Amino acid sequence: MKCPGQDSRYWKPDSIFEAKCPECGKTVEFFKDDTTRKCGHCGHRFANPKLDFGCAAYCKFADQCIGTLPPEILAQRDDLLKDRIAIEMKKYFKTDFKRIGHASRVARYAQKIGMAEGGNMAVILAAAYLHDIGIHEAERKFNSTAAVYQEQEGPPIARSIMEGLGATEVLIEEVCDIIGHHHHPRKKETLNFKVLYDADLIANIEDNHKEKTAEPEKIKKIIDSSFFTKNGKKIAAEHLLN
């Protein structure tokens, strides 16, 4: 079955339009489902400026549906996936707003740290949204939320969510690896892990001191000794000390 969005039977008059070539300025005719077109005047090939990639940016059947996507869109596929992962995380936790709130805060901190540190944001944010995804299974199986049980139960659930969304195997493997030891750093860690670890640590310190604010000197000592990244320390100080 053809995707309705790409089926010409459902097209409107503006589904065929003209665009200017970015190289020579001449007019090039595009059909709605063209991913790229070659300029008949100068030979430059450029992406369809009006193509709404929507699901095609992350759908695993995109190549069969509308042909080979241009490189610039393929590069967006993992990045766009993070928004759908956030939705699936919320659906999984249902009314557990405590866990949803924690994961969302970790993702916000991870984005700030990751952008400053230069990490792979697709991996970092997917791991941030899913890092505690095994906590319900840990409670069900072991009557415990201990880190070791979360790390044990989380990766299979995270994998199922990401596979269902069409994530690449490379991304799935790294995210699941991070989730599987996110409370227990190894001697050598990736930048992506360090960013997630620091973001989670900020959120955990906040959670641990909701009832009673810790002494600033105690928080400063934790920041100086427990964070991996320079920007993790900086953002922790901004949020926890000021």
Protein backbone atom coordinates (compact mmCIF):
# COMPACT_ATOMS: atom_id res chain seq x y z
CA MET A 1 0.00 0.00 0.00
CA LYS A 2 1.34 3.40 -0.94
CA CYS A 3 1.60 6.11 1.71
CA PRO A 4 -1.43 8.43 1.18
CA GLY A 5 0.77 11.48 1.54
CA GLN A 6 2.76 10.42 -1.50
CA ASP A 7 -0.15 9.05 -3.56
CA SER A 8 -0.89 11.42 -6.48
CA ARG A 9 -4.61 10.65 -6.21
CA TYR A 10 -4.68 12.79 -3.06
CA TRP A 11 -2.64 15.66 -4.48
CA LYS A 12 -3.87 19.24 -4.73
CA PRO A 13 -3.06 21.87 -7.41
CA ASP A 14 -0.03 23.09 -5.46
CA SER A 15 1.48 19.59 -5.44
CA ILE A 16 3.34 20.58 -8.63
CA PHE A 17 5.27 23.80 -8.23
CA GLU A 18 8.35 25.74 -9.35
CA ALA A 19 11.48 26.57 -7.37
CA LYS A 20 14.54 28.63 -8.18
CA CYS A 21 17.86 26.85 -8.59
CA PRO A 22 20.16 28.03 -5.75
CA GLU A 23 23.12 28.07 -8.16
CA CYS A 24 21.88 29.90 -11.25
CA GLY A 25 18.45 31.20 -10.26
CA LYS A 26 16.61 29.49 -13.12
CA THR A 27 13.20 27.92 -12.57
CA VAL A 28 12.99 24.18 -11.88
CA GLU A 29 9.68 22.30 -11.78
CA PHE A 30 9.12 20.00 -8.81
CA PHE A 31 6.51 17.35 -8.10
CA LYS A 32 5.46 17.00 -4.48
CA ASP A 33 7.20 13.65 -4.04
CA ASP A 34 10.47 14.61 -5.75
CA THR A 35 13.29 14.41 -3.21
CA THR A 36 15.70 16.22 -5.56
CA ARG A 37 15.66 17.72 -9.07
CA LYS A 38 18.44 18.60 -11.48
CA CYS A 39 18.48 22.10 -12.93
CA GLY A 40 18.16 21.90 -16.71
CA HIS A 41 20.20 25.08 -17.13
CA CYS A 42 23.31 24.58 -14.97
CA GLY A 43 23.05 20.90 -13.99
CA HIS A 44 22.98 21.57 -10.23
CA ARG A 45 20.94 19.01 -8.27
CA PHE A 46 19.18 20.30 -5.15
CA ALA A 47 16.66 19.11 -2.58
CA ASN A 48 12.94 19.76 -2.90
CA PRO A 49 12.45 22.92 -0.79
CA LYS A 50 8.81 22.09 -0.04
CA LEU A 51 9.02 18.37 0.59
CA ASP A 52 7.48 17.59 3.96
CA PHE A 53 9.57 14.63 4.99
CA GLY A 54 7.52 14.15 8.16
CA CYS A 55 7.47 10.41 8.82
CA ALA A 56 9.98 9.81 6.02
CA ALA A 57 12.71 11.34 8.16
CA TYR A 58 12.47 8.47 10.64
CA CYS A 59 10.36 5.74 9.01
CA LYS A 60 12.36 2.59 8.27
CA PHE A 61 10.35 2.09 5.06
CA ALA A 62 11.09 5.58 3.74
CA ASP A 63 13.45 4.38 1.01
CA GLN A 64 10.82 2.06 -0.45
CA CYS A 65 8.10 4.67 -0.02
CA ILE A 66 9.57 7.72 -1.73
CA GLY A 67 12.92 6.58 -3.00
CA THR A 68 16.39 7.30 -1.71
CA LEU A 69 16.36 10.26 0.64
CA PRO A 70 18.98 12.97 0.12
CA PRO A 71 21.98 12.92 2.51
CA GLU A 72 20.89 16.06 4.34
CA ILE A 73 17.61 14.40 5.27
CA LEU A 74 19.19 11.12 6.28
CA ALA A 75 21.36 13.13 8.65
CA GLN A 76 18.19 14.43 10.33
CA ARG A 77 16.62 11.00 10.81
CA ASP A 78 18.20 10.15 14.17
CA ASP A 79 17.79 13.71 15.41
CA LEU A 80 14.05 13.75 14.67
CA LEU A 81 13.68 10.39 16.38
CA LYS A 82 14.24 11.91 19.82
CA ASP A 83 10.83 13.63 19.79
CA ARG A 84 9.03 10.37 19.11
CA ILE A 85 11.08 8.62 21.78
CA ALA A 86 9.96 11.27 24.27
CA ILE A 87 6.34 10.54 23.35
CA GLU A 88 6.81 6.78 23.71
CA MET A 89 8.48 7.28 27.10
CA LYS A 90 5.45 9.22 28.32
CA LYS A 91 3.08 6.60 26.93
CA TYR A 92 5.06 3.85 28.65
CA PHE A 93 5.06 5.54 32.06
CA LYS A 94 1.37 6.53 31.68
CA THR A 95 0.39 8.39 34.89
CA ASP A 96 3.77 8.03 36.57
CA PHE A 97 4.39 11.75 36.34
CA LYS A 98 7.33 11.54 38.73
CA ARG A 99 9.33 9.41 36.27
CA ILE A 100 8.12 11.39 33.25
CA GLY A 101 9.16 14.62 34.93
CA HIS A 102 12.56 13.24 35.89
CA ALA A 103 13.30 11.93 32.40
CA SER A 104 12.21 15.23 30.85
CA ARG A 105 14.47 17.23 33.16
CA VAL A 106 17.40 14.93 32.45
CA ALA A 107 16.79 15.45 28.73
CA ARG A 108 16.77 19.24 29.17
CA TYR A 109 20.04 19.20 31.09
CA ALA A 110 21.53 16.70 28.65
CA GLN A 111 20.67 18.95 25.73
CA LYS A 112 22.39 21.94 27.35
CA ILE A 113 25.49 19.96 28.27
CA GLY A 114 25.63 18.02 25.01
CA MET A 115 25.32 21.10 22.84
CA ALA A 116 28.17 22.73 24.74
CA GLU A 117 30.36 19.62 24.77
CA GLY A 118 29.76 18.56 21.18
CA GLY A 119 28.24 15.12 21.75
CA ASN A 120 25.92 13.13 19.50
CA MET A 121 22.58 14.65 20.46
CA ALA A 122 20.52 11.83 18.96
CA VAL A 123 22.21 9.29 21.22
CA ILE A 124 22.32 11.59 24.24
CA LEU A 125 18.65 12.57 24.14
CA ALA A 126 17.40 9.08 23.37
CA ALA A 127 19.38 7.80 26.36
CA ALA A 128 18.13 10.68 28.51
CA TYR A 129 14.47 9.96 27.81
CA LEU A 130 14.90 6.20 28.24
CA HIS A 131 17.58 5.90 30.93
CA ASP A 132 15.11 4.88 33.69
CA ILE A 133 12.69 3.02 31.43
CA GLY A 134 13.36 -0.25 33.30
CA ILE A 135 12.26 1.05 36.70
CA HIS A 136 8.73 -0.36 36.57
CA GLU A 137 9.97 -3.82 35.65
CA ALA A 138 12.55 -3.59 38.42
CA GLU A 139 9.78 -2.84 40.89
CA ARG A 140 7.58 -5.62 39.52
CA LYS A 141 10.26 -8.32 39.45
CA PHE A 142 12.44 -7.38 42.41
CA ASN A 143 10.28 -5.02 44.45
CA SER A 144 13.18 -2.59 44.19
CA THR A 145 14.25 0.47 42.24
CA ALA A 146 17.94 -0.24 42.85
CA ALA A 147 20.22 0.95 40.06
CA VAL A 148 21.46 -2.53 39.21
CA TYR A 149 17.90 -3.73 38.50
CA GLN A 150 17.03 -0.64 36.46
CA GLU A 151 20.14 -1.21 34.37
CA GLN A 152 19.22 -4.85 33.88
CA GLU A 153 15.61 -4.30 32.87
CA GLY A 154 15.96 -1.08 30.89
CA PRO A 155 17.81 -2.05 27.70
CA PRO A 156 15.29 -4.62 26.35
CA ILE A 157 12.42 -2.14 26.79
CA ALA A 158 14.42 0.69 25.26
CA ARG A 159 15.38 -1.52 22.32
CA SER A 160 11.75 -2.47 21.69
CA ILE A 161 10.70 1.19 21.69
CA MET A 162 13.48 2.29 19.34
CA GLU A 163 13.06 -0.65 16.96
CA GLY A 164 9.36 0.16 16.72
CA LEU A 165 10.27 3.70 15.68
CA GLY A 166 12.72 2.55 13.02
CA ALA A 167 15.93 3.66 14.75
CA THR A 168 19.22 2.49 13.28
CA GLU A 169 20.96 -0.45 14.90
CA VAL A 170 24.04 1.68 15.61
CA LEU A 171 21.98 4.18 17.60
CA ILE A 172 20.04 1.43 19.40
CA GLU A 173 23.23 -0.36 20.47
CA GLU A 174 24.86 2.74 21.93
CA VAL A 175 21.73 3.94 23.72
CA CYS A 176 21.11 0.50 25.23
CA ASP A 177 24.73 0.24 26.32
CA ILE A 178 24.46 3.59 28.12
CA ILE A 179 21.17 2.64 29.78
CA GLY A 180 22.65 -0.70 30.86
CA HIS A 181 25.26 0.95 33.08
CA HIS A 182 24.16 4.56 33.45
CA HIS A 183 24.73 4.55 37.22
CA HIS A 184 28.06 2.72 36.99
CA PRO A 185 30.69 4.46 34.85
CA ARG A 186 33.48 2.36 33.38
CA LYS A 187 37.14 3.35 33.53
CA LYS A 188 36.90 4.72 30.00
CA GLU A 189 33.66 6.30 28.90
CA THR A 190 32.32 7.96 25.76
CA LEU A 191 31.42 11.64 25.70
CA ASN A 192 27.78 10.67 25.14
CA PHE A 193 27.76 8.62 28.35
CA LYS A 194 29.44 11.42 30.31
CA VAL A 195 26.85 13.96 29.18
CA LEU A 196 23.96 11.68 30.16
CA TYR A 197 25.60 10.83 33.49
CA ASP A 198 26.10 14.50 34.40
CA ALA A 199 22.56 15.44 33.37
CA ASP A 200 21.09 12.59 35.44
CA LEU A 201 23.25 13.57 38.40
CA ILE A 202 21.93 17.14 38.36
CA ALA A 203 18.33 15.89 38.29
CA ASN A 204 19.01 13.35 41.04
CA ILE A 205 20.58 15.97 43.30
CA GLU A 206 17.50 18.14 42.75
CA ASP A 207 15.21 15.22 43.60
CA ASN A 208 17.19 14.32 46.72
CA HIS A 209 16.98 17.82 48.11
CA LYS A 210 13.40 18.80 47.34
CA GLU A 211 12.36 18.54 50.96
CA LYS A 212 15.45 20.14 52.45
CA THR A 213 18.03 22.17 50.60
CA ALA A 214 21.56 20.89 51.11
CA GLU A 215 24.34 23.12 52.33
CA PRO A 216 26.00 24.91 49.40
CA GLU A 217 29.42 23.62 50.44
CA LYS A 218 28.16 20.05 50.27
CA ILE A 219 26.70 20.60 46.79
CA LYS A 220 29.91 22.30 45.65
CA LYS A 221 31.94 19.32 46.84
CA ILE A 222 29.74 16.93 44.84
CA ILE A 223 30.05 19.11 41.74
CA ASP A 224 33.83 19.30 42.03
CA SER A 225 34.30 15.57 42.53
CA SER A 226 31.48 13.72 40.74
CA PHE A 227 30.90 15.32 37.35
CA PHE A 228 32.64 14.26 34.15
CA THR A 229 32.28 17.27 31.89
CA LYS A 230 33.29 20.89 32.21
CA ASN A 231 29.88 22.10 31.10
CA GLY A 232 28.14 19.59 33.34
CA LYS A 233 29.87 21.19 36.31
CA LYS A 234 29.04 24.66 35.06
CA ILE A 235 25.34 23.93 34.52
CA ALA A 236 25.13 22.07 37.83
CA ALA A 237 26.53 25.09 39.65
CA GLU A 238 24.09 27.41 37.87
CA HIS A 239 21.06 25.30 38.81
CA LEU A 240 22.07 23.93 42.21
CA LEU A 241 24.03 26.74 43.81
CA ASN A 242 22.29 29.88 42.54
